[in-house]
ModelCIF file with pLDDT and N, C-alpha, C, O atoms, coordinates in Angstrom:
data_MODEL
#
_entry.id   MODEL 
#
_entity.id                         1 
_entity.type                       polymer 
_entity.pdbx_number_of_molecules   1 
#
_entity_poly.entity_id                      1 
_entity_poly.type                           'polypeptide(L)' 
_entity_poly.nstd_linkage                   no 
_entity_poly.nstd_monomer                   no 
_entity_poly.pdbx_seq_one_letter_code       WLLAYEFFKPGAAAEQTEKHVAKKEATVEMEPFVVNLAGAQPARY 
_entity_poly.pdbx_seq_one_letter_code_can   WLLAYEFFKPGAAAEQTEKHVAKKEATVEMEPFVVNLAGAQPARY 
_entity_poly.pdbx_strand_id                 A 
#
loop_
_entity_poly_seq.entity_id 
_entity_poly_seq.num 
_entity_poly_seq.mon_id 
_entity_poly_seq.hetero 
1 1  TRP n 
1 2  LEU n 
1 3  LEU n 
1 4  ALA n 
1 5  TYR n 
1 6  GLU n 
1 7  PHE n 
1 8  PHE n 
1 9  LYS n 
1 10 PRO n 
1 11 GLY n 
1 12 ALA n 
1 13 ALA n 
1 14 ALA n 
1 15 GLU n 
1 16 GLN n 
1 17 THR n 
1 18 GLU n 
1 19 LYS n 
1 20 HIS n 
1 21 VAL n 
1 22 ALA n 
1 23 LYS n 
1 24 LYS n 
1 25 GLU n 
1 26 ALA n 
1 27 THR n 
1 28 VAL n 
1 29 GLU n 
1 30 MET n 
1 31 GLU n 
1 32 PRO n 
1 33 PHE n 
1 34 VAL n 
1 35 VAL n 
1 36 ASN n 
1 37 LEU n 
1 38 ALA n 
1 39 GLY n 
1 40 ALA n 
1 41 GLN n 
1 42 PRO n 
1 43 ALA n 
1 44 ARG n 
1 45 TYR n 
#
_struct_asym.id          A 
_struct_asym.entity_id   1 
#
loop_
_ma_qa_metric.id 
_ma_qa_metric.mode 
_ma_qa_metric.name 
_ma_qa_metric.software_group_id 
_ma_qa_metric.type 
1 global pLDDT . pLDDT 
2 local  pLDDT . pLDDT 
#
_ma_qa_metric_global.metric_id      1 
_ma_qa_metric_global.metric_value   74.51 
_ma_qa_metric_global.model_id       1 
_ma_qa_metric_global.ordinal_id     1 
#
loop_
_ma_qa_metric_local.label_asym_id 
_ma_qa_metric_local.label_comp_id 
_ma_qa_metric_local.label_seq_id 
_ma_qa_metric_local.metric_id 
_ma_qa_metric_local.metric_value 
_ma_qa_metric_local.model_id 
_ma_qa_metric_local.ordinal_id 
A TRP 1  2 76.00 1 1  
A LEU 2  2 74.00 1 2  
A LEU 3  2 73.00 1 3  
A ALA 4  2 75.00 1 4  
A TYR 5  2 75.00 1 5  
A GLU 6  2 74.00 1 6  
A PHE 7  2 71.00 1 7  
A PHE 8  2 74.00 1 8  
A LYS 9  2 71.00 1 9  
A PRO 10 2 63.00 1 10 
A GLY 11 2 62.00 1 11 
A ALA 12 2 58.00 1 12 
A ALA 13 2 57.00 1 13 
A ALA 14 2 57.00 1 14 
A GLU 15 2 60.00 1 15 
A GLN 16 2 59.00 1 16 
A THR 17 2 55.00 1 17 
A GLU 18 2 53.00 1 18 
A LYS 19 2 53.00 1 19 
A HIS 20 2 52.00 1 20 
A VAL 21 2 49.00 1 21 
A ALA 22 2 46.00 1 22 
A LYS 23 2 56.00 1 23 
A LYS 24 2 70.00 1 24 
A GLU 25 2 77.00 1 25 
A ALA 26 2 87.00 1 26 
A THR 27 2 90.00 1 27 
A VAL 28 2 91.00 1 28 
A GLU 29 2 92.00 1 29 
A MET 30 2 91.00 1 30 
A GLU 31 2 92.00 1 31 
A PRO 32 2 94.00 1 32 
A PHE 33 2 93.00 1 33 
A VAL 34 2 94.00 1 34 
A VAL 35 2 93.00 1 35 
A ASN 36 2 92.00 1 36 
A LEU 37 2 92.00 1 37 
A ALA 38 2 89.00 1 38 
A GLY 39 2 82.00 1 39 
A ALA 40 2 62.00 1 40 
A GLN 41 2 76.00 1 41 
A PRO 42 2 84.00 1 42 
A ALA 43 2 87.00 1 43 
A ARG 44 2 90.00 1 44 
A TYR 45 2 92.00 1 45 
#
loop_
_atom_site.group_PDB 
_atom_site.id 
_atom_site.type_symbol 
_atom_site.label_atom_id 
_atom_site.label_alt_id 
_atom_site.label_comp_id 
_atom_site.label_asym_id 
_atom_site.label_entity_id 
_atom_site.label_seq_id 
_atom_site.pdbx_PDB_ins_code 
_atom_site.Cartn_x 
_atom_site.Cartn_y 
_atom_site.Cartn_z 
_atom_site.occupancy 
_atom_site.B_iso_or_equiv 
_atom_site.pdbx_formal_charge 
_atom_site.auth_seq_id 
_atom_site.auth_comp_id 
_atom_site.auth_asym_id 
_atom_site.auth_atom_id 
_atom_site.pdbx_PDB_model_num 
ATOM 1   N N  . TRP A 1 1  ? 139.335 114.571 211.567 1.00 76.00 ? 1  TRP A N  1 
ATOM 2   C CA . TRP A 1 1  ? 139.699 114.838 212.961 1.00 76.00 ? 1  TRP A CA 1 
ATOM 3   C C  . TRP A 1 1  ? 139.368 116.281 213.338 1.00 76.00 ? 1  TRP A C  1 
ATOM 4   O O  . TRP A 1 1  ? 138.838 116.529 214.421 1.00 76.00 ? 1  TRP A O  1 
ATOM 5   N N  . LEU A 1 2  ? 139.674 117.230 212.458 1.00 74.00 ? 2  LEU A N  1 
ATOM 6   C CA . LEU A 1 2  ? 139.406 118.642 212.736 1.00 74.00 ? 2  LEU A CA 1 
ATOM 7   C C  . LEU A 1 2  ? 137.902 118.884 212.895 1.00 74.00 ? 2  LEU A C  1 
ATOM 8   O O  . LEU A 1 2  ? 137.480 119.576 213.822 1.00 74.00 ? 2  LEU A O  1 
ATOM 9   N N  . LEU A 1 3  ? 137.102 118.322 212.002 1.00 73.00 ? 3  LEU A N  1 
ATOM 10  C CA . LEU A 1 3  ? 135.647 118.475 212.113 1.00 73.00 ? 3  LEU A CA 1 
ATOM 11  C C  . LEU A 1 3  ? 135.121 117.834 213.395 1.00 73.00 ? 3  LEU A C  1 
ATOM 12  O O  . LEU A 1 3  ? 134.289 118.418 214.088 1.00 73.00 ? 3  LEU A O  1 
ATOM 13  N N  . ALA A 1 4  ? 135.602 116.645 213.704 1.00 75.00 ? 4  ALA A N  1 
ATOM 14  C CA . ALA A 1 4  ? 135.163 115.963 214.915 1.00 75.00 ? 4  ALA A CA 1 
ATOM 15  C C  . ALA A 1 4  ? 135.585 116.745 216.154 1.00 75.00 ? 4  ALA A C  1 
ATOM 16  O O  . ALA A 1 4  ? 134.823 116.829 217.117 1.00 75.00 ? 4  ALA A O  1 
ATOM 17  N N  . TYR A 1 5  ? 136.766 117.306 216.146 1.00 75.00 ? 5  TYR A N  1 
ATOM 18  C CA . TYR A 1 5  ? 137.244 118.087 217.286 1.00 75.00 ? 5  TYR A CA 1 
ATOM 19  C C  . TYR A 1 5  ? 136.370 119.323 217.496 1.00 75.00 ? 5  TYR A C  1 
ATOM 20  O O  . TYR A 1 5  ? 136.012 119.651 218.627 1.00 75.00 ? 5  TYR A O  1 
ATOM 21  N N  . GLU A 1 6  ? 136.033 119.999 216.410 1.00 74.00 ? 6  GLU A N  1 
ATOM 22  C CA . GLU A 1 6  ? 135.184 121.188 216.525 1.00 74.00 ? 6  GLU A CA 1 
ATOM 23  C C  . GLU A 1 6  ? 133.776 120.805 216.994 1.00 74.00 ? 6  GLU A C  1 
ATOM 24  O O  . GLU A 1 6  ? 133.170 121.522 217.790 1.00 74.00 ? 6  GLU A O  1 
ATOM 25  N N  . PHE A 1 7  ? 133.269 119.700 216.511 1.00 71.00 ? 7  PHE A N  1 
ATOM 26  C CA . PHE A 1 7  ? 131.911 119.278 216.867 1.00 71.00 ? 7  PHE A CA 1 
ATOM 27  C C  . PHE A 1 7  ? 131.848 118.788 218.310 1.00 71.00 ? 7  PHE A C  1 
ATOM 28  O O  . PHE A 1 7  ? 130.931 119.138 219.053 1.00 71.00 ? 7  PHE A O  1 
ATOM 29  N N  . PHE A 1 8  ? 132.817 117.986 218.694 1.00 74.00 ? 8  PHE A N  1 
ATOM 30  C CA . PHE A 1 8  ? 132.848 117.427 220.049 1.00 74.00 ? 8  PHE A CA 1 
ATOM 31  C C  . PHE A 1 8  ? 133.916 118.128 220.884 1.00 74.00 ? 8  PHE A C  1 
ATOM 32  O O  . PHE A 1 8  ? 134.671 117.484 221.613 1.00 74.00 ? 8  PHE A O  1 
ATOM 33  N N  . LYS A 1 9  ? 133.969 119.429 220.771 1.00 71.00 ? 9  LYS A N  1 
ATOM 34  C CA . LYS A 1 9  ? 134.996 120.219 221.448 1.00 71.00 ? 9  LYS A CA 1 
ATOM 35  C C  . LYS A 1 9  ? 134.985 119.941 222.951 1.00 71.00 ? 9  LYS A C  1 
ATOM 36  O O  . LYS A 1 9  ? 133.928 119.990 223.579 1.00 71.00 ? 9  LYS A O  1 
ATOM 37  N N  . PRO A 1 10 ? 136.144 119.651 223.530 1.00 63.00 ? 10 PRO A N  1 
ATOM 38  C CA . PRO A 1 10 ? 136.202 119.410 224.964 1.00 63.00 ? 10 PRO A CA 1 
ATOM 39  C C  . PRO A 1 10 ? 135.746 120.653 225.717 1.00 63.00 ? 10 PRO A C  1 
ATOM 40  O O  . PRO A 1 10 ? 136.169 121.769 225.413 1.00 63.00 ? 10 PRO A O  1 
ATOM 41  N N  . GLY A 1 11 ? 134.884 120.446 226.695 1.00 62.00 ? 11 GLY A N  1 
ATOM 42  C CA . GLY A 1 11 ? 134.407 121.559 227.502 1.00 62.00 ? 11 GLY A CA 1 
ATOM 43  C C  . GLY A 1 11 ? 133.192 122.251 226.923 1.00 62.00 ? 11 GLY A C  1 
ATOM 44  O O  . GLY A 1 11 ? 132.642 123.138 227.576 1.00 62.00 ? 11 GLY A O  1 
ATOM 45  N N  . ALA A 1 12 ? 132.743 121.892 225.722 1.00 58.00 ? 12 ALA A N  1 
ATOM 46  C CA . ALA A 1 12 ? 131.583 122.552 225.118 1.00 58.00 ? 12 ALA A CA 1 
ATOM 47  C C  . ALA A 1 12 ? 130.326 122.283 225.939 1.00 58.00 ? 12 ALA A C  1 
ATOM 48  O O  . ALA A 1 12 ? 129.508 123.183 226.132 1.00 58.00 ? 12 ALA A O  1 
ATOM 49  N N  . ALA A 1 13 ? 130.169 121.058 226.421 1.00 57.00 ? 13 ALA A N  1 
ATOM 50  C CA . ALA A 1 13 ? 128.994 120.736 227.238 1.00 57.00 ? 13 ALA A CA 1 
ATOM 51  C C  . ALA A 1 13 ? 129.031 121.502 228.553 1.00 57.00 ? 13 ALA A C  1 
ATOM 52  O O  . ALA A 1 13 ? 128.003 121.994 229.018 1.00 57.00 ? 13 ALA A O  1 
ATOM 53  N N  . ALA A 1 14 ? 130.213 121.604 229.152 1.00 57.00 ? 14 ALA A N  1 
ATOM 54  C CA . ALA A 1 14 ? 130.336 122.353 230.404 1.00 57.00 ? 14 ALA A CA 1 
ATOM 55  C C  . ALA A 1 14 ? 130.056 123.825 230.179 1.00 57.00 ? 14 ALA A C  1 
ATOM 56  O O  . ALA A 1 14 ? 129.459 124.484 231.030 1.00 57.00 ? 14 ALA A O  1 
ATOM 57  N N  . GLU A 1 15 ? 130.484 124.346 229.036 1.00 60.00 ? 15 GLU A N  1 
ATOM 58  C CA . GLU A 1 15 ? 130.242 125.749 228.706 1.00 60.00 ? 15 GLU A CA 1 
ATOM 59  C C  . GLU A 1 15 ? 128.746 126.015 228.549 1.00 60.00 ? 15 GLU A C  1 
ATOM 60  O O  . GLU A 1 15 ? 128.242 127.026 229.038 1.00 60.00 ? 15 GLU A O  1 
ATOM 61  N N  . GLN A 1 16 ? 128.033 125.111 227.869 1.00 59.00 ? 16 GLN A N  1 
ATOM 62  C CA . GLN A 1 16 ? 126.583 125.248 227.710 1.00 59.00 ? 16 GLN A CA 1 
ATOM 63  C C  . GLN A 1 16 ? 125.890 125.182 229.060 1.00 59.00 ? 16 GLN A C  1 
ATOM 64  O O  . GLN A 1 16 ? 124.967 125.954 229.319 1.00 59.00 ? 16 GLN A O  1 
ATOM 65  N N  . THR A 1 17 ? 126.320 124.272 229.921 1.00 55.00 ? 17 THR A N  1 
ATOM 66  C CA . THR A 1 17 ? 125.718 124.143 231.242 1.00 55.00 ? 17 THR A CA 1 
ATOM 67  C C  . THR A 1 17 ? 125.944 125.412 232.049 1.00 55.00 ? 17 THR A C  1 
ATOM 68  O O  . THR A 1 17 ? 125.040 125.873 232.746 1.00 55.00 ? 17 THR A O  1 
ATOM 69  N N  . GLU A 1 18 ? 127.143 125.979 231.962 1.00 53.00 ? 18 GLU A N  1 
ATOM 70  C CA . GLU A 1 18 ? 127.434 127.212 232.678 1.00 53.00 ? 18 GLU A CA 1 
ATOM 71  C C  . GLU A 1 18 ? 126.543 128.350 232.214 1.00 53.00 ? 18 GLU A C  1 
ATOM 72  O O  . GLU A 1 18 ? 126.064 129.138 233.029 1.00 53.00 ? 18 GLU A O  1 
ATOM 73  N N  . LYS A 1 19 ? 126.316 128.441 230.903 1.00 53.00 ? 19 LYS A N  1 
ATOM 74  C CA . LYS A 1 19 ? 125.439 129.485 230.375 1.00 53.00 ? 19 LYS A CA 1 
ATOM 75  C C  . LYS A 1 19 ? 124.028 129.304 230.910 1.00 53.00 ? 19 LYS A C  1 
ATOM 76  O O  . LYS A 1 19 ? 123.381 130.272 231.311 1.00 53.00 ? 19 LYS A O  1 
ATOM 77  N N  . HIS A 1 20 ? 123.548 128.057 230.918 1.00 52.00 ? 20 HIS A N  1 
ATOM 78  C CA . HIS A 1 20 ? 122.191 127.783 231.389 1.00 52.00 ? 20 HIS A CA 1 
ATOM 79  C C  . HIS A 1 20 ? 122.058 128.103 232.876 1.00 52.00 ? 20 HIS A C  1 
ATOM 80  O O  . HIS A 1 20 ? 121.063 128.689 233.303 1.00 52.00 ? 20 HIS A O  1 
ATOM 81  N N  . VAL A 1 21 ? 123.056 127.720 233.655 1.00 49.00 ? 21 VAL A N  1 
ATOM 82  C CA . VAL A 1 21 ? 123.017 127.990 235.090 1.00 49.00 ? 21 VAL A CA 1 
ATOM 83  C C  . VAL A 1 21 ? 123.112 129.485 235.339 1.00 49.00 ? 21 VAL A C  1 
ATOM 84  O O  . VAL A 1 21 ? 122.446 130.008 236.232 1.00 49.00 ? 21 VAL A O  1 
ATOM 85  N N  . ALA A 1 22 ? 123.934 130.178 234.558 1.00 46.00 ? 22 ALA A N  1 
ATOM 86  C CA . ALA A 1 22 ? 124.088 131.616 234.748 1.00 46.00 ? 22 ALA A CA 1 
ATOM 87  C C  . ALA A 1 22 ? 122.782 132.342 234.476 1.00 46.00 ? 22 ALA A C  1 
ATOM 88  O O  . ALA A 1 22 ? 122.466 133.326 235.145 1.00 46.00 ? 22 ALA A O  1 
ATOM 89  N N  . LYS A 1 23 ? 122.020 131.862 233.497 1.00 56.00 ? 23 LYS A N  1 
ATOM 90  C CA . LYS A 1 23 ? 120.748 132.488 233.181 1.00 56.00 ? 23 LYS A CA 1 
ATOM 91  C C  . LYS A 1 23 ? 119.711 132.239 234.256 1.00 56.00 ? 23 LYS A C  1 
ATOM 92  O O  . LYS A 1 23 ? 118.907 133.119 234.561 1.00 56.00 ? 23 LYS A O  1 
ATOM 93  N N  . LYS A 1 24 ? 119.722 131.044 234.836 1.00 70.00 ? 24 LYS A N  1 
ATOM 94  C CA . LYS A 1 24 ? 118.754 130.644 235.857 1.00 70.00 ? 24 LYS A CA 1 
ATOM 95  C C  . LYS A 1 24 ? 117.326 130.895 235.392 1.00 70.00 ? 24 LYS A C  1 
ATOM 96  O O  . LYS A 1 24 ? 116.545 131.583 236.051 1.00 70.00 ? 24 LYS A O  1 
ATOM 97  N N  . GLU A 1 25 ? 117.008 130.317 234.239 1.00 77.00 ? 25 GLU A N  1 
ATOM 98  C CA . GLU A 1 25 ? 115.663 130.461 233.701 1.00 77.00 ? 25 GLU A CA 1 
ATOM 99  C C  . GLU A 1 25 ? 114.658 129.801 234.638 1.00 77.00 ? 25 GLU A C  1 
ATOM 100 O O  . GLU A 1 25 ? 114.984 128.870 235.374 1.00 77.00 ? 25 GLU A O  1 
ATOM 101 N N  . ALA A 1 26 ? 113.454 130.296 234.591 1.00 87.00 ? 26 ALA A N  1 
ATOM 102 C CA . ALA A 1 26 ? 112.359 129.713 235.361 1.00 87.00 ? 26 ALA A CA 1 
ATOM 103 C C  . ALA A 1 26 ? 111.179 129.537 234.428 1.00 87.00 ? 26 ALA A C  1 
ATOM 104 O O  . ALA A 1 26 ? 111.029 130.270 233.450 1.00 87.00 ? 26 ALA A O  1 
ATOM 105 N N  . THR A 1 27 ? 110.351 128.569 234.736 1.00 90.00 ? 27 THR A N  1 
ATOM 106 C CA . THR A 1 27 ? 109.165 128.317 233.938 1.00 90.00 ? 27 THR A CA 1 
ATOM 107 C C  . THR A 1 27 ? 107.931 128.509 234.790 1.00 90.00 ? 27 THR A C  1 
ATOM 108 O O  . THR A 1 27 ? 107.868 128.061 235.935 1.00 90.00 ? 27 THR A O  1 
ATOM 109 N N  . VAL A 1 28 ? 106.941 129.189 234.206 1.00 91.00 ? 28 VAL A N  1 
ATOM 110 C CA . VAL A 1 28 ? 105.653 129.391 234.869 1.00 91.00 ? 28 VAL A CA 1 
ATOM 111 C C  . VAL A 1 28 ? 104.585 128.793 233.977 1.00 91.00 ? 28 VAL A C  1 
ATOM 112 O O  . VAL A 1 28 ? 104.491 129.118 232.793 1.00 91.00 ? 28 VAL A O  1 
ATOM 113 N N  . GLU A 1 29 ? 103.784 127.921 234.555 1.00 92.00 ? 29 GLU A N  1 
ATOM 114 C CA . GLU A 1 29 ? 102.675 127.350 233.803 1.00 92.00 ? 29 GLU A CA 1 
ATOM 115 C C  . GLU A 1 29 ? 101.418 128.122 234.151 1.00 92.00 ? 29 GLU A C  1 
ATOM 116 O O  . GLU A 1 29 ? 101.038 128.248 235.315 1.00 92.00 ? 29 GLU A O  1 
ATOM 117 N N  . MET A 1 30 ? 100.786 128.635 233.110 1.00 91.00 ? 30 MET A N  1 
ATOM 118 C CA . MET A 1 30 ? 99.567  129.409 233.321 1.00 91.00 ? 30 MET A CA 1 
ATOM 119 C C  . MET A 1 30 ? 98.363  128.481 233.272 1.00 91.00 ? 30 MET A C  1 
ATOM 120 O O  . MET A 1 30 ? 98.396  127.438 232.618 1.00 91.00 ? 30 MET A O  1 
ATOM 121 N N  . GLU A 1 31 ? 97.300  128.870 233.969 1.00 92.00 ? 31 GLU A N  1 
ATOM 122 C CA . GLU A 1 31 ? 96.070  128.093 233.921 1.00 92.00 ? 31 GLU A CA 1 
ATOM 123 C C  . GLU A 1 31 ? 95.515  128.147 232.507 1.00 92.00 ? 31 GLU A C  1 
ATOM 124 O O  . GLU A 1 31 ? 95.764  129.114 231.787 1.00 92.00 ? 31 GLU A O  1 
ATOM 125 N N  . PRO A 1 32 ? 94.762  127.122 232.092 1.00 94.00 ? 32 PRO A N  1 
ATOM 126 C CA . PRO A 1 32 ? 94.241  127.088 230.715 1.00 94.00 ? 32 PRO A CA 1 
ATOM 127 C C  . PRO A 1 32 ? 93.348  128.293 230.401 1.00 94.00 ? 32 PRO A C  1 
ATOM 128 O O  . PRO A 1 32 ? 92.646  128.817 231.266 1.00 94.00 ? 32 PRO A O  1 
ATOM 129 N N  . PHE A 1 33 ? 93.401  128.705 229.151 1.00 93.00 ? 33 PHE A N  1 
ATOM 130 C CA . PHE A 1 33 ? 92.547  129.765 228.629 1.00 93.00 ? 33 PHE A CA 1 
ATOM 131 C C  . PHE A 1 33 ? 91.470  129.119 227.765 1.00 93.00 ? 33 PHE A C  1 
ATOM 132 O O  . PHE A 1 33 ? 91.768  128.231 226.966 1.00 93.00 ? 33 PHE A O  1 
ATOM 133 N N  . VAL A 1 34 ? 90.239  129.549 227.915 1.00 94.00 ? 34 VAL A N  1 
ATOM 134 C CA . VAL A 1 34 ? 89.149  129.133 227.038 1.00 94.00 ? 34 VAL A CA 1 
ATOM 135 C C  . VAL A 1 34 ? 88.492  130.416 226.551 1.00 94.00 ? 34 VAL A C  1 
ATOM 136 O O  . VAL A 1 34 ? 87.921  131.168 227.340 1.00 94.00 ? 34 VAL A O  1 
ATOM 137 N N  . VAL A 1 35 ? 88.575  130.665 225.234 1.00 93.00 ? 35 VAL A N  1 
ATOM 138 C CA . VAL A 1 35 ? 88.035  131.906 224.668 1.00 93.00 ? 35 VAL A CA 1 
ATOM 139 C C  . VAL A 1 35 ? 87.234  131.606 223.415 1.00 93.00 ? 35 VAL A C  1 
ATOM 140 O O  . VAL A 1 35 ? 87.459  130.607 222.732 1.00 93.00 ? 35 VAL A O  1 
ATOM 141 N N  . ASN A 1 36 ? 86.290  132.497 223.130 1.00 92.00 ? 36 ASN A N  1 
ATOM 142 C CA . ASN A 1 36 ? 85.593  132.474 221.837 1.00 92.00 ? 36 ASN A CA 1 
ATOM 143 C C  . ASN A 1 36 ? 86.526  133.086 220.811 1.00 92.00 ? 36 ASN A C  1 
ATOM 144 O O  . ASN A 1 36 ? 87.166  134.105 221.072 1.00 92.00 ? 36 ASN A O  1 
ATOM 145 N N  . LEU A 1 37 ? 86.603  132.466 219.641 1.00 92.00 ? 37 LEU A N  1 
ATOM 146 C CA . LEU A 1 37 ? 87.444  133.019 218.587 1.00 92.00 ? 37 LEU A CA 1 
ATOM 147 C C  . LEU A 1 37 ? 86.638  133.999 217.750 1.00 92.00 ? 37 LEU A C  1 
ATOM 148 O O  . LEU A 1 37 ? 85.415  133.891 217.658 1.00 92.00 ? 37 LEU A O  1 
ATOM 149 N N  . ALA A 1 38 ? 87.320  134.943 217.148 1.00 89.00 ? 38 ALA A N  1 
ATOM 150 C CA . ALA A 1 38 ? 86.672  135.981 216.352 1.00 89.00 ? 38 ALA A CA 1 
ATOM 151 C C  . ALA A 1 38 ? 86.222  135.439 215.002 1.00 89.00 ? 38 ALA A C  1 
ATOM 152 O O  . ALA A 1 38 ? 86.822  134.517 214.449 1.00 89.00 ? 38 ALA A O  1 
ATOM 153 N N  . GLY A 1 39 ? 85.159  136.030 214.489 1.00 82.00 ? 39 GLY A N  1 
ATOM 154 C CA . GLY A 1 39 ? 84.731  135.837 213.109 1.00 82.00 ? 39 GLY A CA 1 
ATOM 155 C C  . GLY A 1 39 ? 84.188  134.480 212.727 1.00 82.00 ? 39 GLY A C  1 
ATOM 156 O O  . GLY A 1 39 ? 84.017  134.225 211.535 1.00 82.00 ? 39 GLY A O  1 
ATOM 157 N N  . ALA A 1 40 ? 83.918  133.627 213.630 1.00 62.00 ? 40 ALA A N  1 
ATOM 158 C CA . ALA A 1 40 ? 83.460  132.287 213.252 1.00 62.00 ? 40 ALA A CA 1 
ATOM 159 C C  . ALA A 1 40 ? 81.958  132.157 213.451 1.00 62.00 ? 40 ALA A C  1 
ATOM 160 O O  . ALA A 1 40 ? 81.417  132.514 214.497 1.00 62.00 ? 40 ALA A O  1 
ATOM 161 N N  . GLN A 1 41 ? 81.304  131.641 212.432 1.00 76.00 ? 41 GLN A N  1 
ATOM 162 C CA . GLN A 1 41 ? 79.888  131.310 212.538 1.00 76.00 ? 41 GLN A CA 1 
ATOM 163 C C  . GLN A 1 41 ? 79.748  129.875 212.097 1.00 76.00 ? 41 GLN A C  1 
ATOM 164 O O  . GLN A 1 41 ? 80.041  129.614 210.930 1.00 76.00 ? 41 GLN A O  1 
ATOM 165 N N  . PRO A 1 42 ? 79.350  128.956 212.864 1.00 84.00 ? 42 PRO A N  1 
ATOM 166 C CA . PRO A 1 42 ? 78.987  129.038 214.270 1.00 84.00 ? 42 PRO A CA 1 
ATOM 167 C C  . PRO A 1 42 ? 80.219  129.322 215.134 1.00 84.00 ? 42 PRO A C  1 
ATOM 168 O O  . PRO A 1 42 ? 81.353  129.268 214.659 1.00 84.00 ? 42 PRO A O  1 
ATOM 169 N N  . ALA A 1 43 ? 79.978  129.617 216.382 1.00 87.00 ? 43 ALA A N  1 
ATOM 170 C CA . ALA A 1 43 ? 81.044  130.008 217.304 1.00 87.00 ? 43 ALA A CA 1 
ATOM 171 C C  . ALA A 1 43 ? 82.106  128.919 217.405 1.00 87.00 ? 43 ALA A C  1 
ATOM 172 O O  . ALA A 1 43 ? 81.794  127.730 217.470 1.00 87.00 ? 43 ALA A O  1 
ATOM 173 N N  . ARG A 1 44 ? 83.374  129.349 217.417 1.00 90.00 ? 44 ARG A N  1 
ATOM 174 C CA . ARG A 1 44 ? 84.507  128.438 217.592 1.00 90.00 ? 44 ARG A CA 1 
ATOM 175 C C  . ARG A 1 44 ? 85.215  128.836 218.876 1.00 90.00 ? 44 ARG A C  1 
ATOM 176 O O  . ARG A 1 44 ? 85.249  130.008 219.248 1.00 90.00 ? 44 ARG A O  1 
ATOM 177 N N  . TYR A 1 45 ? 85.776  127.844 219.542 1.00 92.00 ? 45 TYR A N  1 
ATOM 178 C CA . TYR A 1 45 ? 86.418  128.061 220.832 1.00 92.00 ? 45 TYR A CA 1 
ATOM 179 C C  . TYR A 1 45 ? 87.873  127.634 220.762 1.00 92.00 ? 45 TYR A C  1 
ATOM 180 O O  . TYR A 1 45 ? 88.595  127.737 221.753 1.00 92.00 ? 45 TYR A O  1 
#
């Protein structure tokens, strides 16, 4: 019971959600990069 209580602690999900909302992370997707790699013969991309 003690292990289950600690693992499924009431309010733990709400606490995680609050942290995530407080951070207000954002994601930016960059356009693809195509580059020649160093030191390869023949050329590698």
